[in-house]
C-alpha atoms as a PDB file:
ATOM      1  CA  UNK A   1    -128.869-150.132   4.909  1.00  0.00           C
ATOM      2  CA  UNK A   2    -131.445-151.918   2.796  1.00  0.00           C
ATOM      3  CA  UNK A   3    -133.488-150.142   0.162  1.00  0.00           C
ATOM      4  CA  UNK A   4    -137.046-149.217   1.045  1.00  0.00           C
ATOM      5  CA  UNK A   5    -140.070-147.449  -0.417  1.00  0.00           C
ATOM      6  CA  UNK A   6    -139.996-143.699   0.108  1.00  0.00           C
ATOM      7  CA  UNK A   7    -142.838-142.345   2.196  1.00  0.00           C
ATOM      8  CA  UNK A   8    -144.402-139.303   3.753  1.00  0.00           C
ATOM      9  CA  UNK A   9    -146.150-139.752   7.098  1.00  0.00           C
ATOM     10  CA  UNK A  10    -149.229-138.144   8.620  1.00  0.00           C
ATOM     11  CA  UNK A  11    -150.523-138.580  12.160  1.00  0.00           C
ATOM     12  CA  UNK A  12    -152.875-136.089  13.769  1.00  0.00           C
ATOM     13  CA  UNK A  13    -155.717-136.952  16.151  1.00  0.00           C
ATOM     14  CA  UNK A  14    -156.220-140.251  14.329  1.00  0.00           C
ATOM     15  CA  UNK A  15    -155.926-143.848  15.475  1.00  0.00           C
ATOM     16  CA  UNK A  16    -153.861-144.749  12.426  1.00  0.00           C
ATOM     17  CA  UNK A  17    -150.679-143.527  10.807  1.00  0.00           C
ATOM     18  CA  UNK A  18    -150.627-143.339   7.015  1.00  0.00           C
ATOM     19  CA  UNK A  19    -147.711-143.495   4.576  1.00  0.00           C
ATOM     20  CA  UNK A  20    -147.801-142.078   1.038  1.00  0.00           C
ATOM     21  CA  UNK A  21    -145.282-142.467  -1.771  1.00  0.00           C
ATOM     22  CA  UNK A  22    -142.586-139.803  -1.957  1.00  0.00           C
ATOM     23  CA  UNK A  23    -139.930-139.260  -4.607  1.00  0.00           C
ATOM     24  CA  UNK A  24    -136.736-139.139  -2.561  1.00  0.00           C
ATOM     25  CA  UNK A  25    -133.507-141.059  -2.076  1.00  0.00           C
ATOM     26  CA  UNK A  26    -132.840-143.010   1.102  1.00  0.00           C
ATOM     27  CA  UNK A  27    -130.763-140.296   2.817  1.00  0.00           C
ATOM     28  CA  UNK A  28    -133.555-137.781   2.327  1.00  0.00           C
ATOM     29  CA  UNK A  29    -136.018-140.054   4.138  1.00  0.00           C
ATOM     30  CA  UNK A  30    -134.285-139.282   7.442  1.00  0.00           C
ATOM     31  CA  UNK A  31    -136.472-137.092   9.692  1.00  0.00           C
ATOM     32  CA  UNK A  32    -135.223-137.957  13.149  1.00  0.00           C
ATOM     33  CA  UNK A  33    -136.619-134.915  14.988  1.00  0.00           C
ATOM     34  CA  UNK A  34    -139.754-132.763  14.949  1.00  0.00           C
ATOM     35  CA  UNK A  35    -139.434-130.326  12.000  1.00  0.00           C
ATOM     36  CA  UNK A  36    -136.460-132.230  10.666  1.00  0.00           C
ATOM     37  CA  UNK A  37    -133.375-130.624  12.207  1.00  0.00           C
ATOM     38  CA  UNK A  38    -132.168-129.011  15.467  1.00  0.00           C
ATOM     39  CA  UNK A  39    -133.034-125.532  14.119  1.00  0.00           C
ATOM     40  CA  UNK A  40    -136.636-126.771  13.594  1.00  0.00           C
ATOM     41  CA  UNK A  41    -136.579-125.373  10.052  1.00  0.00           C
ATOM     42  CA  UNK A  42    -139.137-127.870   8.736  1.00  0.00           C
ATOM     43  CA  UNK A  43    -137.318-128.132   5.412  1.00  0.00           C
ATOM     44  CA  UNK A  44    -137.527-131.411   3.520  1.00  0.00           C
ATOM     45  CA  UNK A  45    -134.737-132.392   1.134  1.00  0.00           C
ATOM     46  CA  UNK A  46    -137.013-134.108  -1.328  1.00  0.00           C
ATOM     47  CA  UNK A  47    -139.634-133.515  -4.001  1.00  0.00           C
ATOM     48  CA  UNK A  48    -143.295-134.250  -3.311  1.00  0.00           C
ATOM     49  CA  UNK A  49    -145.174-135.531  -6.379  1.00  0.00           C
ATOM     50  CA  UNK A  50    -148.452-133.936  -7.446  1.00  0.00           C
ATOM     51  CA  UNK A  51    -150.355-137.186  -6.899  1.00  0.00           C
ATOM     52  CA  UNK A  52    -149.763-139.280  -3.790  1.00  0.00           C
ATOM     53  CA  UNK A  53    -150.420-143.000  -3.521  1.00  0.00           C
ATOM     54  CA  UNK A  54    -151.219-144.667  -0.193  1.00  0.00           C
ATOM     55  CA  UNK A  55    -148.544-147.264   0.623  1.00  0.00           C
ATOM     56  CA  UNK A  56    -149.779-148.523   3.987  1.00  0.00           C
ATOM     57  CA  UNK A  57    -151.555-147.632   7.215  1.00  0.00           C
ATOM     58  CA  UNK A  58    -151.060-148.886  10.767  1.00  0.00           C
ATOM     59  CA  UNK A  59    -153.477-148.647  13.671  1.00  0.00           C
ATOM     60  CA  UNK A  60    -152.983-147.830  17.356  1.00  0.00           C
ATOM     61  CA  UNK A  61    -155.393-148.090  20.271  1.00  0.00           C
ATOM     62  CA  UNK A  62    -156.204-144.381  20.572  1.00  0.00           C
ATOM     63  CA  UNK A  63    -155.563-140.946  19.066  1.00  0.00           C
ATOM     64  CA  UNK A  64    -152.205-140.146  17.477  1.00  0.00           C
ATOM     65  CA  UNK A  65    -151.432-136.550  18.399  1.00  0.00           C
ATOM     66  CA  UNK A  66    -147.661-136.679  18.023  1.00  0.00           C
ATOM     67  CA  UNK A  67    -145.820-136.253  14.719  1.00  0.00           C
ATOM     68  CA  UNK A  68    -143.926-139.331  13.493  1.00  0.00           C
ATOM     69  CA  UNK A  69    -140.154-139.312  13.078  1.00  0.00           C
ATOM     70  CA  UNK A  70    -138.159-141.484  10.667  1.00  0.00           C
ATOM     71  CA  UNK A  71    -134.680-142.938  11.081  1.00  0.00           C
ATOM     72  CA  UNK A  72    -132.866-145.690   9.175  1.00  0.00           C
ATOM     73  CA  UNK A  73    -135.997-147.071   7.571  1.00  0.00           C
ATOM     74  CA  UNK A  74    -138.119-147.082  10.726  1.00  0.00           C
ATOM     75  CA  UNK A  75    -141.097-144.870  11.593  1.00  0.00           C
ATOM     76  CA  UNK A  76    -141.541-144.014  15.283  1.00  0.00           C
ATOM     77  CA  UNK A  77    -144.691-142.477  16.772  1.00  0.00           C
ATOM     78  CA  UNK A  78    -146.387-142.336  20.162  1.00  0.00           C
ATOM     79  CA  UNK A  79    -150.101-142.671  20.814  1.00  0.00           C
ATOM     80  CA  UNK A  80    -152.659-141.613  23.386  1.00  0.00           C
ATOM     81  CA  UNK A  81    -152.930-145.318  24.226  1.00  0.00           C
ATOM     82  CA  UNK A  82    -149.607-144.821  26.107  1.00  0.00           C
ATOM     83  CA  UNK A  83    -147.658-146.944  23.623  1.00  0.00           C
ATOM     84  CA  UNK A  84    -144.636-146.077  21.506  1.00  0.00           C
ATOM     85  CA  UNK A  85    -144.647-147.782  18.096  1.00  0.00           C
ATOM     86  CA  UNK A  86    -141.956-148.589  15.548  1.00  0.00           C
ATOM     87  CA  UNK A  87    -142.975-149.579  11.995  1.00  0.00           C
ATOM     88  CA  UNK A  88    -141.027-150.395   8.861  1.00  0.00           C
ATOM     89  CA  UNK A  89    -141.138-147.439   6.480  1.00  0.00           C
ATOM     90  CA  UNK A  90    -141.221-149.745   3.471  1.00  0.00           C
ATOM     91  CA  UNK A  91    -144.318-151.798   4.294  1.00  0.00           C
ATOM     92  CA  UNK A  92    -145.723-150.703   7.683  1.00  0.00           C
ATOM     93  CA  UNK A  93    -144.809-153.948   9.463  1.00  0.00           C
ATOM     94  CA  UNK A  94    -144.564-153.475  13.220  1.00  0.00           C
ATOM     95  CA  UNK A  95    -141.021-153.771  14.531  1.00  0.00           C
ATOM     96  CA  UNK A  96    -141.868-153.191  18.171  1.00  0.00           C
ATOM     97  CA  UNK A  97    -144.456-151.702  20.513  1.00  0.00           C
ATOM     98  CA  UNK A  98    -143.718-150.588  24.082  1.00  0.00           C
ATOM     99  CA  UNK A  99    -146.173-149.406  26.715  1.00  0.00           C
ATOM    100  CA  UNK A 100    -144.983-146.386  28.691  1.00  0.00           C
ATOM    101  CA  UNK A 101    -146.418-144.673  31.757  1.00  0.00           C
ATOM    102  CA  UNK A 102    -148.975-142.301  30.193  1.00  0.00           C
ATOM    103  CA  UNK A 103    -150.414-140.996  26.889  1.00  0.00           C
ATOM    104  CA  UNK A 104    -147.820-139.653  24.456  1.00  0.00           C
ATOM    105  CA  UNK A 105    -148.584-136.363  22.720  1.00  0.00           C
ATOM    106  CA  UNK A 106    -145.010-135.271  22.012  1.00  0.00           C
ATOM    107  CA  UNK A 107    -142.936-136.217  18.951  1.00  0.00           C
ATOM    108  CA  UNK A 108    -139.859-138.312  19.629  1.00  0.00           C
ATOM    109  CA  UNK A 109    -136.174-137.730  18.866  1.00  0.00           C
ATOM    110  CA  UNK A 110    -133.912-140.460  17.450  1.00  0.00           C
ATOM    111  CA  UNK A 111    -130.198-139.902  18.028  1.00  0.00           C
ATOM    112  CA  UNK A 112    -127.231-142.293  17.975  1.00  0.00           C
ATOM    113  CA  UNK A 113    -129.368-145.413  18.317  1.00  0.00           C
ATOM    114  CA  UNK A 114    -131.545-144.060  21.134  1.00  0.00           C
ATOM    115  CA  UNK A 115    -135.124-142.821  21.020  1.00  0.00           C
ATOM    116  CA  UNK A 116    -136.091-140.025  23.422  1.00  0.00           C
ATOM    117  CA  UNK A 117    -139.756-139.271  24.072  1.00  0.00           C
ATOM    118  CA  UNK A 118    -141.753-137.440  26.732  1.00  0.00           C
ATOM    119  CA  UNK A 119    -145.089-138.500  28.195  1.00  0.00           C
ATOM    120  CA  UNK A 120    -148.120-136.728  29.621  1.00  0.00           C
ATOM    121  CA  UNK A 121    -146.989-137.926  33.060  1.00  0.00           C
ATOM    122  CA  UNK A 122    -143.888-135.761  32.749  1.00  0.00           C
ATOM    123  CA  UNK A 123    -141.418-138.578  32.134  1.00  0.00           C
ATOM    124  CA  UNK A 124    -138.653-138.341  29.551  1.00  0.00           C
ATOM    125  CA  UNK A 125    -137.816-141.863  28.387  1.00  0.00           C
ATOM    126  CA  UNK A 126    -134.699-143.047  26.597  1.00  0.00           C
ATOM    127  CA  UNK A 127    -135.358-146.271  24.649  1.00  0.00           C
ATOM    128  CA  UNK A 128    -133.188-148.475  22.496  1.00  0.00           C
ATOM    129  CA  UNK A 129    -134.359-147.542  18.992  1.00  0.00           C
ATOM    130  CA  UNK A 130    -133.764-151.119  17.781  1.00  0.00           C
ATOM    131  CA  UNK A 131    -136.015-152.963  20.227  1.00  0.00           C
ATOM    132  CA  UNK A 132    -137.759-150.366  22.440  1.00  0.00           C
ATOM    133  CA  UNK A 133    -136.099-151.413  25.696  1.00  0.00           C
ATOM    134  CA  UNK A 134    -135.801-148.664  28.299  1.00  0.00           C
ATOM    135  CA  UNK A 135    -132.291-147.357  28.922  1.00  0.00           C
ATOM    136  CA  UNK A 136    -133.264-144.691  31.456  1.00  0.00           C
ATOM    137  CA  UNK A 137    -136.145-142.419  32.487  1.00  0.00           C
ATOM    138  CA  UNK A 138    -136.037-138.871  33.833  1.00  0.00           C
ATOM    139  CA  UNK A 139    -138.877-137.266  35.775  1.00  0.00           C
ATOM    140  CA  UNK A 140    -140.081-133.691  35.397  1.00  0.00           C
ATOM    141  CA  UNK A 141    -142.914-132.253  37.488  1.00  0.00           C
ATOM    142  CA  UNK A 142    -145.325-131.595  34.616  1.00  0.00           C
ATOM    143  CA  UNK A 143    -146.650-132.839  31.289  1.00  0.00           C
ATOM    144  CA  UNK A 144    -144.226-133.020  28.355  1.00  0.00           C
ATOM    145  CA  UNK A 145    -145.994-131.804  25.218  1.00  0.00           C
ATOM    146  CA  UNK A 146    -143.026-131.025  22.935  1.00  0.00           C
ATOM    147  CA  UNK A 147    -140.262-132.969  21.257  1.00  0.00           C
ATOM    148  CA  UNK A 148    -136.803-133.245  22.807  1.00  0.00           C
ATOM    149  CA  UNK A 149    -133.834-131.683  21.014  1.00  0.00           C
ATOM    150  CA  UNK A 150    -130.092-132.092  21.583  1.00  0.00           C
ATOM    151  CA  UNK A 151    -126.991-130.006  22.125  1.00  0.00           C
ATOM    152  CA  UNK A 152    -123.426-131.245  21.712  1.00  0.00           C
ATOM    153  CA  UNK A 153    -120.596-129.751  23.771  1.00  0.00           C
ATOM    154  CA  UNK A 154    -117.772-128.037  21.887  1.00  0.00           C
ATOM    155  CA  UNK A 155    -115.501-131.035  22.518  1.00  0.00           C
ATOM    156  CA  UNK A 156    -118.115-133.311  20.964  1.00  0.00           C
ATOM    157  CA  UNK A 157    -117.963-135.683  23.926  1.00  0.00           C
ATOM    158  CA  UNK A 158    -121.059-134.773  25.908  1.00  0.00           C
ATOM    159  CA  UNK A 159    -124.579-134.616  24.522  1.00  0.00           C
ATOM    160  CA  UNK A 160    -127.420-132.922  26.392  1.00  0.00           C
ATOM    161  CA  UNK A 161    -131.053-133.798  25.698  1.00  0.00           C
ATOM    162  CA  UNK A 162    -133.261-130.704  26.004  1.00  0.00           C
ATOM    163  CA  UNK A 163    -136.972-130.910  26.781  1.00  0.00           C
ATOM    164  CA  UNK A 164    -139.642-128.494  28.005  1.00  0.00           C
ATOM    165  CA  UNK A 165    -142.288-129.327  30.580  1.00  0.00           C
ATOM    166  CA  UNK A 166    -145.477-127.971  32.119  1.00  0.00           C
ATOM    167  CA  UNK A 167    -143.443-127.645  35.326  1.00  0.00           C
ATOM    168  CA  UNK A 168    -142.377-124.295  33.712  1.00  0.00           C
ATOM    169  CA  UNK A 169    -138.810-125.491  33.088  1.00  0.00           C
ATOM    170  CA  UNK A 170    -136.563-126.365  30.193  1.00  0.00           C
ATOM    171  CA  UNK A 171    -134.519-129.380  31.263  1.00  0.00           C
ATOM    172  CA  UNK A 172    -131.049-130.397  30.076  1.00  0.00           C
ATOM    173  CA  UNK A 173    -130.318-134.079  30.681  1.00  0.00           C
ATOM    174  CA  UNK A 174    -127.162-136.083  30.064  1.00  0.00           C
ATOM    175  CA  UNK A 175    -127.873-138.338  27.078  1.00  0.00           C
ATOM    176  CA  UNK A 176    -125.748-141.169  28.452  1.00  0.00           C
ATOM    177  CA  UNK A 177    -127.324-141.678  31.866  1.00  0.00           C
ATOM    178  CA  UNK A 178    -130.425-139.461  32.151  1.00  0.00           C
ATOM    179  CA  UNK A 179    -128.986-137.295  34.942  1.00  0.00           C
ATOM    180  CA  UNK A 180    -130.016-133.644  35.121  1.00  0.00           C
ATOM    181  CA  UNK A 181    -127.335-131.197  33.969  1.00  0.00           C
ATOM    182  CA  UNK A 182    -129.393-128.037  34.530  1.00  0.00           C
ATOM    183  CA  UNK A 183    -132.967-126.748  34.458  1.00  0.00           C
ATOM    184  CA  UNK A 184    -134.010-123.240  33.425  1.00  0.00           C
ATOM    185  CA  UNK A 185    -137.200-121.911  35.025  1.00  0.00           C
ATOM    186  CA  UNK A 186    -139.734-119.681  33.254  1.00  0.00           C
ATOM    187  CA  UNK A 187    -142.994-118.156  34.494  1.00  0.00           C
ATOM    188  CA  UNK A 188    -145.358-120.589  32.751  1.00  0.00           C
ATOM    189  CA  UNK A 189    -145.611-123.838  30.775  1.00  0.00           C
ATOM    190  CA  UNK A 190    -142.989-124.732  28.185  1.00  0.00           C
ATOM    191  CA  UNK A 191    -145.014-126.486  25.496  1.00  0.00           C
ATOM    192  CA  UNK A 192    -142.837-126.580  22.409  1.00  0.00           C
ATOM    193  CA  UNK A 193    -139.524-128.015  21.329  1.00  0.00           C
ATOM    194  CA  UNK A 194    -136.447-125.789  21.833  1.00  0.00           C
ATOM    195  CA  UNK A 195    -134.498-124.853  18.703  1.00  0.00           C
ATOM    196  CA  UNK A 196    -130.711-125.234  18.748  1.00  0.00           C
ATOM    197  CA  UNK A 197    -128.070-123.564  16.546  1.00  0.00           C
ATOM    198  CA  UNK A 198    -124.656-121.961  16.978  1.00  0.00           C
ATOM    199  CA  UNK A 199    -124.381-122.979  20.627  1.00  0.00           C
ATOM    200  CA  UNK A 200    -127.651-121.192  21.485  1.00  0.00           C
ATOM    201  CA  UNK A 201    -130.926-122.665  22.704  1.00  0.00           C
ATOM    202  CA  UNK A 202    -134.089-120.738  21.788  1.00  0.00           C
ATOM    203  CA  UNK A 203    -137.643-121.465  22.869  1.00  0.00           C
ATOM    204  CA  UNK A 204    -140.912-119.670  23.458  1.00  0.00           C
ATOM    205  CA  UNK A 205    -142.995-120.097  26.575  1.00  0.00           C
ATOM    206  CA  UNK A 206    -146.523-119.587  27.802  1.00  0.00           C
ATOM    207  CA  UNK A 207    -145.017-116.677  29.749  1.00  0.00           C
ATOM    208  CA  UNK A 208    -145.074-114.724  26.465  1.00  0.00           C
ATOM    209  CA  UNK A 209    -141.275-114.611  26.145  1.00  0.00           C
ATOM    210  CA  UNK A 210    -138.751-115.867  23.615  1.00  0.00           C
ATOM    211  CA  UNK A 211    -135.858-117.143  25.724  1.00  0.00           C
ATOM    212  CA  UNK A 212    -132.295-117.365  24.419  1.00  0.00           C
ATOM    213  CA  UNK A 213    -129.972-119.556  26.508  1.00  0.00           C
ATOM    214  CA  UNK A 214    -126.298-120.419  26.370  1.00  0.00           C
ATOM    215  CA  UNK A 215    -125.200-124.050  26.405  1.00  0.00           C
ATOM    216  CA  UNK A 216    -124.725-123.950  30.190  1.00  0.00           C
ATOM    217  CA  UNK A 217    -128.355-122.935  30.761  1.00  0.00           C
ATOM    218  CA  UNK A 218    -127.737-119.264  31.576  1.00  0.00           C
ATOM    219  CA  UNK A 219    -130.003-116.749  29.875  1.00  0.00           C
ATOM    220  CA  UNK A 220    -128.548-114.532  27.189  1.00  0.00           C
ATOM    221  CA  UNK A 221    -131.770-112.720  26.300  1.00  0.00           C
ATOM    222  CA  UNK A 222    -135.501-112.727  26.954  1.00  0.00           C
ATOM    223  CA  UNK A 223    -137.765-111.014  24.420  1.00  0.00           C
ATOM    224  CA  UNK A 224    -141.432-110.309  25.299  1.00  0.00           C
ATOM    225  CA  UNK A 225    -143.892-110.867  22.444  1.00  0.00           C
ATOM    226  CA  UNK A 226    -147.147-109.988  24.188  1.00  0.00           C
ATOM    227  CA  UNK A 227    -148.921-113.351  24.388  1.00  0.00           C
ATOM    228  CA  UNK A 228    -148.544-117.088  25.047  1.00  0.00           C
ATOM    229  CA  UNK A 229    -146.225-118.999  22.702  1.00  0.00           C
ATOM    230  CA  UNK A 230    -147.893-122.435  22.689  1.00  0.00           C
ATOM    231  CA  UNK A 231    -145.630-124.160  20.160  1.00  0.00           C
ATOM    232  CA  UNK A 232    -142.078-124.363  18.870  1.00  0.00           C
ATOM    233  CA  UNK A 233    -139.927-121.572  17.473  1.00  0.00           C
ATOM    234  CA  UNK A 234    -137.720-121.947  14.385  1.00  0.00           C
ATOM    235  CA  UNK A 235    -134.219-120.574  13.807  1.00  0.00           C
ATOM    236  CA  UNK A 236    -132.486-119.402  10.640  1.00  0.00           C
ATOM    237  CA  UNK A 237    -129.037-118.021  11.402  1.00  0.00           C
ATOM    238  CA  UNK A 238    -129.501-115.336  14.058  1.00  0.00           C
ATOM    239  CA  UNK A 239    -133.227-114.984  13.365  1.00  0.00           C
ATOM    240  CA  UNK A 240    -136.026-116.658  15.307  1.00  0.00           C
ATOM    241  CA  UNK A 241    -139.643-117.084  14.185  1.00  0.00           C
ATOM    242  CA  UNK A 242    -142.528-117.836  16.540  1.00  0.00           C
ATOM    243  CA  UNK A 243    -146.303-117.719  16.523  1.00  0.00           C
ATOM    244  CA  UNK A 244    -148.381-116.725  19.566  1.00  0.00           C
ATOM    245  CA  UNK A 245    -151.945-116.517  20.848  1.00  0.00           C
ATOM    246  CA  UNK A 246    -152.108-112.817  19.971  1.00  0.00           C
ATOM    247  CA  UNK A 247    -152.661-113.907  16.347  1.00  0.00           C
ATOM    248  CA  UNK A 248    -149.196-112.898  15.194  1.00  0.00           C
ATOM    249  CA  UNK A 249    -146.032-114.447  13.845  1.00  0.00           C
ATOM    250  CA  UNK A 250    -143.002-112.620  15.214  1.00  0.00           C
ATOM    251  CA  UNK A 251    -139.474-112.423  13.820  1.00  0.00           C
ATOM    252  CA  UNK A 252    -136.821-111.838  16.467  1.00  0.00           C
ATOM    253  CA  UNK A 253    -133.165-110.898  16.062  1.00  0.00           C
END
């Protein structure tokens, strides 16, 4: 891998993505999923300097509501103009741009050379991360507002891509061919990204529940929290943290 300038990215309801200098080595620049890891811990492995210096900015045709992700020196972000963009982290040069079916509000996932991203039309797309070509697409029956995550089988051979949808379901899709493995139904929208750790899948829903699933999609536990959970939960060991519309952050065993 070539050396590149270290950067920190921001994209929120803007038409441009901005990159600031960041004191970190190349390995620490990897941020291939929303919140940085399958547990959604949000922990960076680098030091942020007191004063930031703008390195570059890049413009899209409409709002950027999704968070960028970074993998192998490339920044990936979707836009409300229905395009997925890939820019060089070092200088902001566009590597590719691909128009999808609808506005993109969800962060992407980069895994094993593929980029997975959901659209407002309810499509989960698998693209070649190198050139943006579509490998497969999977249809849900509602808007996808959260990032995909992944789960690897115990034998390490099969990878499931997990994504929530406004069709009230959490979907598990085979990473290789985009075929449905299972879908778990809740009583309302699933907005956020599911967290994954220790063979468990944990996510909050607009049904006001924290759901804990096994790898095969069966429910292990459902914990009511009293109000909509509009975003993603985070895991730390056997503990789950989630915020909800009742103005609380809850900690669940």
